[in-house]
Amino acid sequence: MGQLQDGCENIQDNQTSTNFNHGGNPFQVVTGVVGYGGRNTDSATFAGNQATMIDCVGIVGSDNVVFGWWEWRDISKPSNSSGEFVYTARSINVGPTMSTSIYIK
């Protein structure tokens, strides 16, 4: 089972639901995305409502090349205490649109 650290729960591979109850204000989700997308090509919803992007920062490798993105999203509005978080990544090249989701308690 994951641990709650500094108010954050790290999600493990193949985990379909959070192990802890979350909510409140601020209520944020951080996603790590590998690839060229990020920022304007990706989107997220929580409990059917659009999640608002707060920040997007490039993940830089030892060669100083961006290979992914950390994205912070506000999911506190409208006020939901739990629901399905869905993240959708759209390739900037010709390629698939991919989604993943997790139920947040």
N, C-alpha and C. Protein backbone atom coordinates (compact mmCIF):
# COMPACT_ATOMS: atom_id res chain seq x y z
N MET A 1 0.85 -1.17 0.00
CA MET A 1 0.00 0.00 0.00
C MET A 1 0.89 1.24 0.00
N GLY A 2 0.48 2.27 -0.78
CA GLY A 2 1.24 3.52 -0.82
C GLY A 2 1.18 4.25 0.50
N GLN A 3 2.00 5.24 0.63
CA GLN A 3 2.03 6.03 1.85
C GLN A 3 1.63 7.46 1.55
N LEU A 4 1.10 8.12 2.56
CA LEU A 4 0.77 9.54 2.47
C LEU A 4 1.96 10.31 2.99
N GLN A 5 2.57 11.15 2.13
CA GLN A 5 3.75 11.91 2.51
C GLN A 5 3.52 13.37 2.17
N ASP A 6 3.61 14.25 3.17
CA ASP A 6 3.38 15.68 2.98
C ASP A 6 2.03 15.95 2.33
N GLY A 7 1.02 15.15 2.67
CA GLY A 7 -0.32 15.33 2.13
C GLY A 7 -0.51 14.76 0.74
N CYS A 8 0.52 14.09 0.21
CA CYS A 8 0.47 13.52 -1.14
C CYS A 8 0.53 12.00 -1.07
N GLU A 9 -0.20 11.37 -1.95
CA GLU A 9 -0.15 9.92 -2.07
C GLU A 9 0.52 9.56 -3.39
N ASN A 10 1.59 8.81 -3.35
CA ASN A 10 2.23 8.34 -4.57
C ASN A 10 1.47 7.13 -5.07
N ILE A 11 1.15 7.14 -6.35
CA ILE A 11 0.37 6.07 -6.96
C ILE A 11 1.31 5.06 -7.60
N GLN A 12 1.06 3.79 -7.34
CA GLN A 12 1.88 2.71 -7.86
C GLN A 12 1.35 2.25 -9.22
N ASP A 13 2.18 1.57 -10.00
CA ASP A 13 1.74 1.00 -11.27
C ASP A 13 0.51 0.12 -11.05
N ASN A 14 -0.44 0.22 -11.96
CA ASN A 14 -1.67 -0.59 -11.96
C ASN A 14 -2.61 -0.31 -10.78
N GLN A 15 -2.38 0.75 -10.03
CA GLN A 15 -3.28 1.11 -8.94
C GLN A 15 -4.51 1.80 -9.54
N THR A 16 -5.71 1.37 -9.17
CA THR A 16 -6.93 1.90 -9.77
C THR A 16 -7.70 2.86 -8.87
N SER A 17 -7.27 2.96 -7.61
CA SER A 17 -7.94 3.84 -6.66
C SER A 17 -6.92 4.31 -5.63
N THR A 18 -7.14 5.51 -5.08
CA THR A 18 -6.27 5.95 -4.00
C THR A 18 -6.54 5.09 -2.77
N ASN A 19 -5.56 4.98 -1.91
CA ASN A 19 -5.71 4.23 -0.67
C ASN A 19 -6.20 5.10 0.47
N PHE A 20 -6.06 6.41 0.31
CA PHE A 20 -6.43 7.36 1.36
C PHE A 20 -7.55 8.27 0.86
N ASN A 21 -8.31 8.82 1.77
CA ASN A 21 -9.32 9.81 1.42
C ASN A 21 -8.64 11.15 1.21
N HIS A 22 -9.02 11.85 0.16
CA HIS A 22 -8.44 13.13 -0.18
C HIS A 22 -9.55 14.17 -0.29
N GLY A 23 -9.19 15.39 -0.56
CA GLY A 23 -10.18 16.44 -0.75
C GLY A 23 -9.74 17.70 -0.05
N GLY A 24 -10.56 18.71 -0.17
CA GLY A 24 -10.26 19.98 0.48
C GLY A 24 -9.83 21.02 -0.52
N ASN A 25 -9.31 22.10 -0.01
CA ASN A 25 -8.88 23.19 -0.87
C ASN A 25 -7.56 23.72 -0.33
N PRO A 26 -6.45 23.63 -1.00
CA PRO A 26 -6.37 23.20 -2.39
C PRO A 26 -6.48 21.68 -2.51
N PHE A 27 -6.92 21.23 -3.66
CA PHE A 27 -7.05 19.82 -4.00
C PHE A 27 -6.40 19.68 -5.37
N GLN A 28 -5.20 19.10 -5.40
CA GLN A 28 -4.41 19.08 -6.63
C GLN A 28 -3.95 17.68 -6.99
N VAL A 29 -3.72 17.48 -8.28
CA VAL A 29 -3.16 16.25 -8.81
C VAL A 29 -1.90 16.62 -9.59
N VAL A 30 -0.84 15.84 -9.41
CA VAL A 30 0.39 16.03 -10.17
C VAL A 30 0.56 14.80 -11.05
N THR A 31 0.76 15.02 -12.34
CA THR A 31 1.00 13.92 -13.27
C THR A 31 2.39 14.05 -13.85
N GLY A 32 3.01 12.93 -14.09
CA GLY A 32 4.29 12.87 -14.79
C GLY A 32 4.06 12.27 -16.15
N VAL A 33 4.45 12.99 -17.19
CA VAL A 33 4.19 12.56 -18.57
C VAL A 33 5.53 12.44 -19.29
N VAL A 34 5.79 11.29 -19.88
CA VAL A 34 7.01 11.09 -20.65
C VAL A 34 6.66 11.30 -22.12
N GLY A 35 7.42 12.16 -22.79
CA GLY A 35 7.21 12.41 -24.22
C GLY A 35 7.10 13.89 -24.51
N TYR A 36 6.78 14.19 -25.76
CA TYR A 36 6.75 15.57 -26.23
C TYR A 36 5.47 16.33 -25.88
N GLY A 37 4.42 15.67 -25.49
CA GLY A 37 3.13 16.32 -25.25
C GLY A 37 3.18 17.36 -24.15
N GLY A 38 2.26 17.27 -23.23
CA GLY A 38 2.21 18.22 -22.14
C GLY A 38 1.57 19.52 -22.55
N ARG A 39 1.42 20.39 -21.60
CA ARG A 39 0.85 21.72 -21.78
C ARG A 39 -0.43 21.75 -22.59
N ASN A 40 -0.34 22.12 -23.84
CA ASN A 40 -1.53 22.38 -24.65
C ASN A 40 -2.13 21.15 -25.31
N THR A 41 -1.43 20.02 -25.30
CA THR A 41 -1.95 18.85 -26.00
C THR A 41 -2.69 17.89 -25.08
N ASP A 42 -2.49 17.98 -23.78
CA ASP A 42 -3.09 17.05 -22.84
C ASP A 42 -4.22 17.72 -22.06
N SER A 43 -5.12 16.91 -21.50
CA SER A 43 -6.23 17.44 -20.72
C SER A 43 -6.57 16.47 -19.60
N ALA A 44 -7.33 16.95 -18.63
CA ALA A 44 -7.73 16.11 -17.50
C ALA A 44 -9.09 16.55 -16.98
N THR A 45 -9.83 15.58 -16.45
CA THR A 45 -11.11 15.87 -15.80
C THR A 45 -11.13 15.17 -14.44
N PHE A 46 -11.95 15.69 -13.54
CA PHE A 46 -12.18 15.06 -12.25
C PHE A 46 -13.67 15.10 -11.98
N ALA A 47 -14.25 13.93 -11.75
CA ALA A 47 -15.70 13.81 -11.51
C ALA A 47 -16.49 14.49 -12.63
N GLY A 48 -15.98 14.38 -13.86
CA GLY A 48 -16.67 14.93 -15.01
C GLY A 48 -16.43 16.40 -15.28
N ASN A 49 -15.67 17.07 -14.44
CA ASN A 49 -15.39 18.50 -14.60
C ASN A 49 -13.95 18.70 -15.08
N GLN A 50 -13.76 19.70 -15.93
CA GLN A 50 -12.42 20.00 -16.44
C GLN A 50 -11.50 20.39 -15.29
N ALA A 51 -10.32 19.78 -15.23
CA ALA A 51 -9.31 20.13 -14.23
C ALA A 51 -8.50 21.30 -14.78
N THR A 52 -8.21 22.28 -13.94
CA THR A 52 -7.49 23.48 -14.36
C THR A 52 -5.99 23.30 -14.17
N MET A 53 -5.22 23.51 -15.25
CA MET A 53 -3.78 23.39 -15.13
C MET A 53 -3.23 24.57 -14.34
N ILE A 54 -2.42 24.27 -13.33
CA ILE A 54 -1.78 25.29 -12.50
C ILE A 54 -0.38 25.59 -13.01
N ASP A 55 0.36 24.52 -13.34
CA ASP A 55 1.74 24.68 -13.78
C ASP A 55 2.16 23.47 -14.59
N CYS A 56 3.15 23.66 -15.42
CA CYS A 56 3.71 22.59 -16.24
C CYS A 56 5.21 22.85 -16.34
N VAL A 57 6.01 21.89 -15.89
CA VAL A 57 7.45 22.06 -15.84
C VAL A 57 8.10 20.90 -16.58
N GLY A 58 9.06 21.20 -17.44
CA GLY A 58 9.77 20.16 -18.17
C GLY A 58 10.63 19.32 -17.26
N ILE A 59 10.68 18.02 -17.56
CA ILE A 59 11.57 17.09 -16.86
C ILE A 59 12.80 16.97 -17.73
N VAL A 60 13.93 17.38 -17.18
CA VAL A 60 15.16 17.46 -17.96
C VAL A 60 16.11 16.33 -17.59
N GLY A 61 16.66 15.68 -18.61
CA GLY A 61 17.62 14.60 -18.40
C GLY A 61 19.02 15.13 -18.18
N SER A 62 19.97 14.24 -17.98
CA SER A 62 21.36 14.63 -17.73
C SER A 62 21.99 15.33 -18.93
N ASP A 63 21.37 15.18 -20.11
CA ASP A 63 21.87 15.83 -21.32
C ASP A 63 21.20 17.18 -21.57
N ASN A 64 20.46 17.69 -20.57
CA ASN A 64 19.73 18.96 -20.63
C ASN A 64 18.63 18.98 -21.70
N VAL A 65 18.11 17.81 -22.06
CA VAL A 65 17.01 17.71 -23.01
C VAL A 65 15.74 17.36 -22.25
N VAL A 66 14.66 18.08 -22.54
CA VAL A 66 13.37 17.80 -21.90
C VAL A 66 12.83 16.48 -22.47
N PHE A 67 12.53 15.53 -21.58
CA PHE A 67 11.99 14.25 -22.03
C PHE A 67 10.59 13.98 -21.49
N GLY A 68 10.03 14.94 -20.76
CA GLY A 68 8.69 14.78 -20.22
C GLY A 68 8.26 16.02 -19.46
N TRP A 69 7.12 15.90 -18.77
CA TRP A 69 6.52 17.05 -18.09
C TRP A 69 5.92 16.66 -16.76
N TRP A 70 6.07 17.53 -15.77
CA TRP A 70 5.30 17.46 -14.52
C TRP A 70 4.17 18.45 -14.71
N GLU A 71 2.95 18.03 -14.50
CA GLU A 71 1.79 18.91 -14.64
C GLU A 71 1.00 18.93 -13.33
N TRP A 72 0.73 20.13 -12.82
CA TRP A 72 -0.08 20.31 -11.62
C TRP A 72 -1.46 20.79 -12.05
N ARG A 73 -2.50 20.13 -11.54
CA ARG A 73 -3.88 20.51 -11.89
C ARG A 73 -4.71 20.68 -10.63
N ASP A 74 -5.54 21.73 -10.64
CA ASP A 74 -6.47 22.01 -9.55
C ASP A 74 -7.76 21.24 -9.82
N ILE A 75 -8.16 20.39 -8.88
CA ILE A 75 -9.42 19.66 -9.03
C ILE A 75 -10.40 20.00 -7.91
N SER A 76 -10.21 21.17 -7.29
CA SER A 76 -11.06 21.56 -6.16
C SER A 76 -12.35 22.25 -6.57
N LYS A 77 -12.49 22.61 -7.86
CA LYS A 77 -13.69 23.33 -8.31
C LYS A 77 -14.28 22.62 -9.51
N PRO A 78 -15.56 22.41 -9.55
CA PRO A 78 -16.48 22.58 -8.44
C PRO A 78 -16.15 21.61 -7.31
N SER A 79 -16.70 21.89 -6.18
CA SER A 79 -16.34 21.13 -4.98
C SER A 79 -16.76 19.66 -5.11
N ASN A 80 -15.77 18.80 -5.24
CA ASN A 80 -16.00 17.36 -5.25
C ASN A 80 -15.06 16.75 -4.22
N SER A 81 -15.54 15.78 -3.50
CA SER A 81 -14.67 15.14 -2.52
C SER A 81 -14.08 13.84 -3.04
N SER A 82 -14.69 13.28 -4.08
CA SER A 82 -14.16 12.05 -4.66
C SER A 82 -14.69 11.90 -6.08
N GLY A 83 -14.02 11.07 -6.85
CA GLY A 83 -14.47 10.82 -8.21
C GLY A 83 -13.34 10.31 -9.08
N GLU A 84 -13.66 10.08 -10.34
CA GLU A 84 -12.71 9.56 -11.31
C GLU A 84 -11.87 10.69 -11.89
N PHE A 85 -10.54 10.58 -11.78
CA PHE A 85 -9.62 11.51 -12.43
C PHE A 85 -9.19 10.84 -13.73
N VAL A 86 -9.42 11.53 -14.86
CA VAL A 86 -9.08 10.99 -16.18
C VAL A 86 -8.08 11.93 -16.84
N TYR A 87 -6.95 11.37 -17.25
CA TYR A 87 -5.91 12.14 -17.93
C TYR A 87 -5.82 11.64 -19.37
N THR A 88 -5.86 12.58 -20.32
CA THR A 88 -5.81 12.24 -21.73
C THR A 88 -4.61 12.92 -22.38
N ALA A 89 -3.77 12.12 -23.03
CA ALA A 89 -2.58 12.63 -23.71
C ALA A 89 -2.80 12.50 -25.21
N ARG A 90 -2.57 13.60 -25.91
CA ARG A 90 -2.68 13.61 -27.37
C ARG A 90 -1.29 13.84 -27.95
N SER A 91 -0.88 12.97 -28.83
CA SER A 91 0.43 13.08 -29.44
C SER A 91 0.51 14.33 -30.30
N ILE A 92 1.67 15.02 -30.28
CA ILE A 92 1.85 16.17 -31.15
C ILE A 92 2.21 15.71 -32.56
N ASN A 93 2.59 14.45 -32.70
CA ASN A 93 2.84 13.83 -34.00
C ASN A 93 1.61 13.02 -34.38
N VAL A 94 1.60 12.48 -35.57
CA VAL A 94 0.51 11.58 -35.92
C VAL A 94 0.65 10.36 -35.02
N GLY A 95 -0.36 10.10 -34.28
CA GLY A 95 -0.28 8.99 -33.34
C GLY A 95 -1.54 8.91 -32.51
N PRO A 96 -1.55 8.00 -31.57
CA PRO A 96 -2.76 7.75 -30.81
C PRO A 96 -3.03 8.80 -29.73
N THR A 97 -4.29 8.87 -29.34
CA THR A 97 -4.69 9.59 -28.14
C THR A 97 -4.84 8.52 -27.07
N MET A 98 -4.21 8.74 -25.92
CA MET A 98 -4.23 7.73 -24.87
C MET A 98 -4.77 8.34 -23.58
N SER A 99 -5.49 7.53 -22.81
CA SER A 99 -6.06 7.98 -21.54
C SER A 99 -5.75 6.98 -20.44
N THR A 100 -5.73 7.52 -19.23
CA THR A 100 -5.62 6.68 -18.04
C THR A 100 -6.50 7.32 -16.97
N SER A 101 -6.87 6.54 -15.97
CA SER A 101 -7.73 7.09 -14.93
C SER A 101 -7.45 6.41 -13.59
N ILE A 102 -7.88 7.09 -12.56
CA ILE A 102 -7.81 6.56 -11.20
C ILE A 102 -8.97 7.14 -10.41
N TYR A 103 -9.54 6.34 -9.52
CA TYR A 103 -10.60 6.83 -8.65
C TYR A 103 -9.94 7.46 -7.42
N ILE A 104 -10.26 8.72 -7.16
CA ILE A 104 -9.71 9.42 -5.99
C ILE A 104 -10.77 9.45 -4.91
N LYS A 105 -10.43 8.88 -3.75
CA LYS A 105 -11.37 8.83 -2.62
C LYS A 105 -11.46 10.17 -1.93
